[in-house]
Protein backbone atom coordinates (compact mmCIF):
# COMPACT_ATOMS: atom_id res chain seq x y z
CA MET A 1 16.87 123.87 2.22
CA LYS A 2 16.82 126.98 4.56
CA LYS A 3 20.14 126.15 5.82
CA GLY A 4 21.58 125.85 2.19
CA LEU A 5 20.44 128.97 1.23
CA PHE A 6 21.69 130.67 4.41
CA ASP A 7 25.29 128.99 3.77
CA TYR A 8 25.14 130.41 -0.28
CA LEU A 9 24.12 133.85 1.30
CA HIS A 10 27.14 133.62 3.72
CA ILE A 11 29.63 133.02 0.95
CA ILE A 12 27.96 135.59 -1.26
CA ILE A 13 28.37 138.31 1.42
CA GLY A 14 31.86 136.99 2.35
CA SER A 15 33.00 137.41 -1.40
CA LEU A 16 31.53 140.91 -1.15
CA ILE A 17 33.57 142.12 1.85
CA LEU A 18 36.69 140.21 0.58
CA ALA A 19 36.40 142.30 -3.00
CA LEU A 20 35.72 145.71 -1.05
CA GLY A 21 38.86 145.04 1.04
CA ILE A 22 41.07 144.36 -2.05
CA ASN A 23 39.63 146.98 -4.26
CA VAL A 24 39.06 149.84 -1.89
CA PHE A 25 42.22 149.61 0.42
CA LEU A 26 44.77 146.90 -0.84
CA ALA A 27 45.10 147.08 -4.61
CA PRO A 28 45.27 150.70 -5.21
CA ASN A 29 48.13 150.99 -2.83
CA LYS A 30 49.62 147.63 -4.19
CA ILE A 31 49.74 146.05 -1.16
CA SER A 32 49.18 142.29 -1.25
CA THR A 33 48.02 139.77 1.13
CA GLY A 34 49.48 136.78 -0.85
CA GLY A 35 47.56 134.23 -2.80
CA VAL A 36 45.59 134.81 -6.17
CA GLY A 37 44.67 138.39 -5.02
CA GLY A 38 48.36 139.17 -4.64
CA LEU A 39 49.06 137.77 -8.49
CA ALA A 40 45.79 139.78 -9.89
CA THR A 41 47.50 142.88 -8.37
CA ILE A 42 50.73 142.36 -10.23
CA PHE A 43 48.94 141.62 -13.42
CA LEU A 44 46.73 144.67 -12.91
CA TYR A 45 49.67 147.20 -12.65
CA VAL A 46 52.11 145.23 -14.99
CA PHE A 47 49.87 144.00 -17.82
CA ARG A 48 46.60 146.20 -17.41
CA ILE A 49 44.58 143.00 -16.80
CA PRO A 50 41.47 143.66 -14.63
CA MET A 51 41.81 142.06 -11.41
CA SER A 52 38.09 140.32 -11.87
CA LEU A 53 39.38 138.36 -15.05
CA SER A 54 42.94 137.43 -13.78
CA THR A 55 41.27 136.15 -10.35
CA LEU A 56 38.45 134.46 -12.02
CA VAL A 57 40.92 132.67 -14.49
CA LEU A 58 43.67 131.79 -12.04
CA ASN A 59 40.91 130.04 -9.58
CA LEU A 60 39.32 128.36 -12.11
CA ILE A 61 42.55 126.90 -13.19
CA LEU A 62 43.41 125.65 -9.62
CA PHE A 63 39.69 124.34 -9.01
CA VAL A 64 39.85 122.09 -12.21
CA ILE A 65 43.28 121.01 -11.13
CA GLY A 66 42.39 120.47 -7.42
CA TYR A 67 38.30 120.04 -7.12
CA LYS A 68 38.94 116.16 -6.24
CA THR A 69 40.64 117.04 -3.31
CA LEU A 70 37.60 118.96 -1.88
CA PRO A 71 34.66 117.18 -0.23
CA LYS A 72 31.65 116.76 -2.26
CA SER A 73 29.85 119.13 -0.32
CA SER A 74 32.28 122.04 -0.94
CA ILE A 75 32.69 121.63 -4.83
CA VAL A 76 29.62 123.63 -5.59
CA LYS A 77 30.05 126.14 -2.83
CA THR A 78 33.57 126.99 -3.78
CA LEU A 79 32.86 127.40 -7.17
CA VAL A 80 30.03 129.94 -6.19
CA GLY A 81 32.85 131.65 -4.33
CA ILE A 82 35.12 132.00 -7.12
CA VAL A 83 32.43 133.38 -9.49
CA PHE A 84 30.95 135.81 -7.03
CA LEU A 85 34.20 137.07 -6.04
CA SER A 86 35.16 137.85 -9.37
CA VAL A 87 31.81 139.69 -10.11
CA PHE A 88 32.28 141.73 -6.91
CA LEU A 89 36.00 142.77 -7.96
CA GLN A 90 34.50 143.87 -11.18
CA LEU A 91 31.50 145.91 -9.50
CA THR A 92 33.40 147.28 -6.71
CA SER A 93 36.23 148.52 -8.99
CA TYR A 94 33.90 151.39 -9.58
CA ILE A 95 34.01 152.56 -5.86
CA SER A 96 36.17 155.28 -4.72
CA TYR A 97 39.51 153.79 -3.16
CA TYR A 98 41.51 155.13 -0.43
CA CYS A 99 45.16 155.87 -0.68
CA ASP A 100 45.82 158.44 1.96
CA ASP A 101 47.56 156.37 4.40
CA MET A 102 49.43 153.01 3.81
CA MET A 103 49.10 151.90 7.46
CA ILE A 104 45.35 152.47 7.41
CA SER A 105 45.02 150.63 4.14
CA ALA A 106 47.01 147.77 5.16
CA ILE A 107 44.76 147.16 8.33
CA PHE A 108 41.55 148.18 7.03
CA GLY A 109 42.00 145.99 3.79
CA GLY A 110 43.63 143.23 6.09
CA THR A 111 40.61 143.21 8.27
CA LEU A 112 38.05 143.06 5.46
CA VAL A 113 40.02 140.17 3.74
CA GLY A 114 40.06 138.39 7.12
CA VAL A 115 36.26 138.71 7.46
CA GLY A 116 35.39 137.85 3.96
CA VAL A 117 37.62 134.68 3.83
CA GLY A 118 36.38 133.81 7.37
CA LEU A 119 32.83 133.78 6.28
CA VAL A 120 33.38 131.95 3.22
CA VAL A 121 35.28 129.58 4.75
CA LEU A 122 33.09 129.14 7.64
CA LYS A 123 30.57 127.51 5.34
CA ASP A 124 33.27 124.84 4.18
CA ALA A 125 33.76 126.91 0.87
CA SER A 126 36.31 128.77 -0.66
CA THR A 127 37.24 131.65 -3.00
CA GLY A 128 40.52 129.96 -4.34
CA GLY A 129 43.57 131.45 -3.38
CA SER A 130 46.76 130.43 -1.44
CA ASP A 131 44.69 127.84 0.61
CA PHE A 132 43.43 126.13 -2.30
CA ALA A 133 46.95 125.85 -3.92
CA ALA A 134 48.19 124.77 -0.77
CA ILE A 135 45.84 121.76 -0.54
CA ILE A 136 46.85 120.39 -4.13
CA LEU A 137 50.48 120.82 -3.46
CA ASN A 138 50.06 118.91 0.00
CA LYS A 139 48.02 116.13 -1.70
CA ALA A 140 51.22 115.78 -4.00
CA ILE A 141 53.83 116.36 -1.13
CA PRO A 142 52.08 115.15 1.98
CA TYR A 143 55.03 115.39 4.61
CA ILE A 144 54.86 119.31 4.17
CA SER A 145 51.98 120.55 6.17
CA LEU A 146 49.26 122.60 4.66
CA ALA A 147 49.96 125.74 6.88
CA THR A 148 53.70 125.76 5.61
CA PHE A 149 52.59 125.46 2.13
CA ILE A 150 50.17 128.63 2.64
CA LEU A 151 53.04 130.54 4.24
CA ILE A 152 55.51 129.66 1.32
CA ILE A 153 52.92 130.68 -1.35
CA ASP A 154 52.04 133.88 0.40
CA ALA A 155 55.61 134.73 1.25
CA LEU A 156 56.69 134.20 -2.39
CA ILE A 157 53.84 136.16 -3.89
CA ILE A 158 54.42 139.22 -1.31
CA LEU A 159 58.28 138.92 -2.27
CA THR A 160 57.67 138.97 -5.91
CA SER A 161 55.11 142.07 -5.61
CA GLY A 162 57.90 143.81 -3.55
CA MET A 163 60.38 143.15 -6.48
CA VAL A 164 58.13 143.82 -9.54
CA PHE A 165 57.23 147.25 -7.71
CA ARG A 166 60.77 147.85 -6.30
CA ASP A 167 59.52 149.05 -3.04
CA TYR A 168 60.06 147.54 -0.07
CA THR A 169 57.59 149.59 1.71
CA ILE A 170 55.12 147.80 -0.13
CA MET A 171 56.35 144.34 1.17
CA PHE A 172 56.33 145.55 4.90
CA TYR A 173 52.58 146.75 4.54
CA SER A 174 51.80 143.66 2.50
CA VAL A 175 53.09 141.20 5.27
CA LEU A 176 51.22 143.54 7.94
CA SER A 177 47.97 143.24 5.88
CA LEU A 178 48.53 139.54 5.81
CA TYR A 179 49.00 139.23 9.45
CA VAL A 180 45.78 141.13 10.08
CA SER A 181 43.83 139.26 7.56
CA THR A 182 45.18 135.77 9.28
CA LYS A 183 44.24 136.81 12.79
CA VAL A 184 40.64 138.18 11.76
CA THR A 185 39.86 134.93 9.86
CA ASP A 186 41.03 132.90 12.90
CA MET A 187 38.81 135.07 15.09
CA ILE A 188 35.82 134.43 12.87
CA MET A 189 36.51 130.55 12.64
CA VAL A 190 36.35 130.18 16.54
CA ARG A 191 33.14 132.55 16.78
CA GLY A 192 29.84 131.18 17.98
CA ASP A 193 28.96 129.59 21.46
CA TYR A 194 31.58 131.22 23.92
CA ALA A 195 31.53 128.85 26.77
CA LYS A 196 33.27 127.98 29.82
CA SER A 197 34.92 124.55 30.74
CA VAL A 198 34.65 123.89 34.36
CA PHE A 199 36.78 121.46 36.26
CA ILE A 200 35.37 120.53 39.78
CA ILE A 201 37.10 118.36 42.39
CA SER A 202 35.01 117.65 45.24
CA GLU A 203 34.32 114.56 47.83
CA LYS A 204 30.58 115.14 46.84
CA SER A 205 31.00 114.94 42.96
CA ASN A 206 28.36 112.39 42.60
CA VAL A 207 25.98 114.51 44.17
CA ILE A 208 27.16 117.77 42.22
CA ALA A 209 26.93 115.82 39.01
CA LYS A 210 23.10 114.77 39.58
CA GLU A 211 22.28 118.47 40.63
CA ILE A 212 23.79 119.60 37.42
CA LEU A 213 22.29 117.10 35.16
CA ASP A 214 18.73 117.64 36.88
CA THR A 215 19.10 121.66 37.11
CA ILE A 216 20.92 122.83 33.84
CA GLU A 217 20.62 119.89 31.75
CA ARG A 218 24.14 120.00 30.69
CA GLY A 219 26.37 116.63 30.17
CA VAL A 220 28.96 115.99 32.82
CA THR A 221 32.00 113.82 32.68
CA GLY A 222 33.84 112.14 35.72
CA ILE A 223 37.43 111.87 35.55
CA TYR A 224 39.13 109.65 37.73
CA SER A 225 41.93 111.61 39.72
CA LYS A 226 44.35 111.12 42.68
CA GLY A 227 45.40 114.03 44.87
CA LEU A 228 49.17 113.17 45.33
CA TYR A 229 49.41 115.55 48.50
CA HIS A 230 47.02 113.24 50.61
CA GLY A 231 47.22 110.38 48.04
CA LYS A 232 43.13 110.09 47.89
CA ASP A 233 41.50 108.64 44.79
CA GLY A 234 38.68 110.83 43.65
CA LEU A 235 36.43 111.80 40.89
CA MET A 236 36.89 115.16 38.99
CA LEU A 237 33.78 116.78 37.10
CA LEU A 238 34.28 118.07 33.74
CA CYS A 239 31.11 120.34 32.66
CA ILE A 240 31.03 122.76 29.60
CA VAL A 241 28.52 125.40 30.11
CA LYS A 242 27.27 128.63 28.40
CA SER A 243 28.80 131.75 29.81
CA LYS A 244 25.03 132.78 31.23
CA GLU A 245 24.93 129.17 32.84
CA LEU A 246 28.20 129.63 34.86
CA HIS A 247 26.53 131.34 37.79
CA ILE A 248 23.81 128.65 38.02
CA LEU A 249 26.74 125.93 38.15
CA MET A 250 28.83 127.79 40.70
CA ASN A 251 25.76 128.17 43.05
CA ILE A 252 25.12 124.38 42.84
CA VAL A 253 28.71 123.63 43.84
CA LYS A 254 28.64 126.28 46.56
CA LYS A 255 25.43 124.99 47.88
CA ILE A 256 26.54 121.18 47.84
CA ASP A 257 30.16 121.49 48.89
CA LYS A 258 31.47 124.93 49.92
CA GLU A 259 35.26 123.06 50.09
CA ALA A 260 35.11 122.01 46.32
CA PHE A 261 37.96 123.15 44.33
CA VAL A 262 36.94 124.75 40.85
CA ILE A 263 38.82 125.30 37.64
CA ILE A 264 37.12 127.78 35.19
CA SER A 265 38.54 128.28 31.62
CA GLU A 266 37.67 129.71 28.57
CA ALA A 267 36.20 127.18 25.84
CA ARG A 268 36.13 129.15 22.58
CA LYS A 269 34.79 126.47 20.07
CA ILE A 270 32.28 123.98 21.01
CA LEU A 271 30.95 121.17 18.94
CA GLY A 272 28.20 118.74 19.80
CA GLU A 273 24.69 118.64 21.31
CA GLY A 274 23.53 121.68 23.28
CA PHE A 275 25.83 124.26 21.11
CA LYS A 276 25.16 125.76 17.94
CA GLU A 277 26.82 124.17 14.77
CA GLN A 278 30.00 125.94 13.90
């Protein structure tokens, strides 16, 4: 129950941040990040239709067409995201907007959009937009990837906005804003338990593995390996630890085998026991 409420709070906050990015930085400068928001910006300037209304109508149409493609657990969450995005687009339309510098508007707006979308998608929901349309098209034409459909839809909407407003500068800043928002969303999607993946090659691998299991209670996987220089068979250990546990693991390895060969790399997204749910 508590987790469910937290998920909806996440979606509501994400929708608010997304609306702020659109109304404060992007729409006043006619900058588009593609998707339904891009179309709503065009409707605002060409037909004087409020973004809150056009966004709600377009997203509900997509929802009705494509809700069957969503997991059951995501249907209500997505509907909540769509409704709250429209509500916040209306409420934030009264906030003072920024039009002094297109570059700042594109970057700040793209960042807020990326954070908003990331927070919503992180909880298996959606606020509609090009990702939802891409899911529907992907179901109809499965041999074209979801990412390709999203790229095509966003590119067409940005191209359309440039043609409607007859301004290639707007197209440039729209592409920049889309790039920023995509990168920020990706960063949020892989946030959480930053950890280290550690590979250990040692002739005392069994002893090291037992000590790791007893001391820091992390799982250890043994991978059979063969050193091609000496032709020796061995057991390479793989262990995922949190960053703060790395020095403990290294002390264990050094204590048991100072000649051990250790490879440490970043593990940016961990799913499973011992790490937080993403």
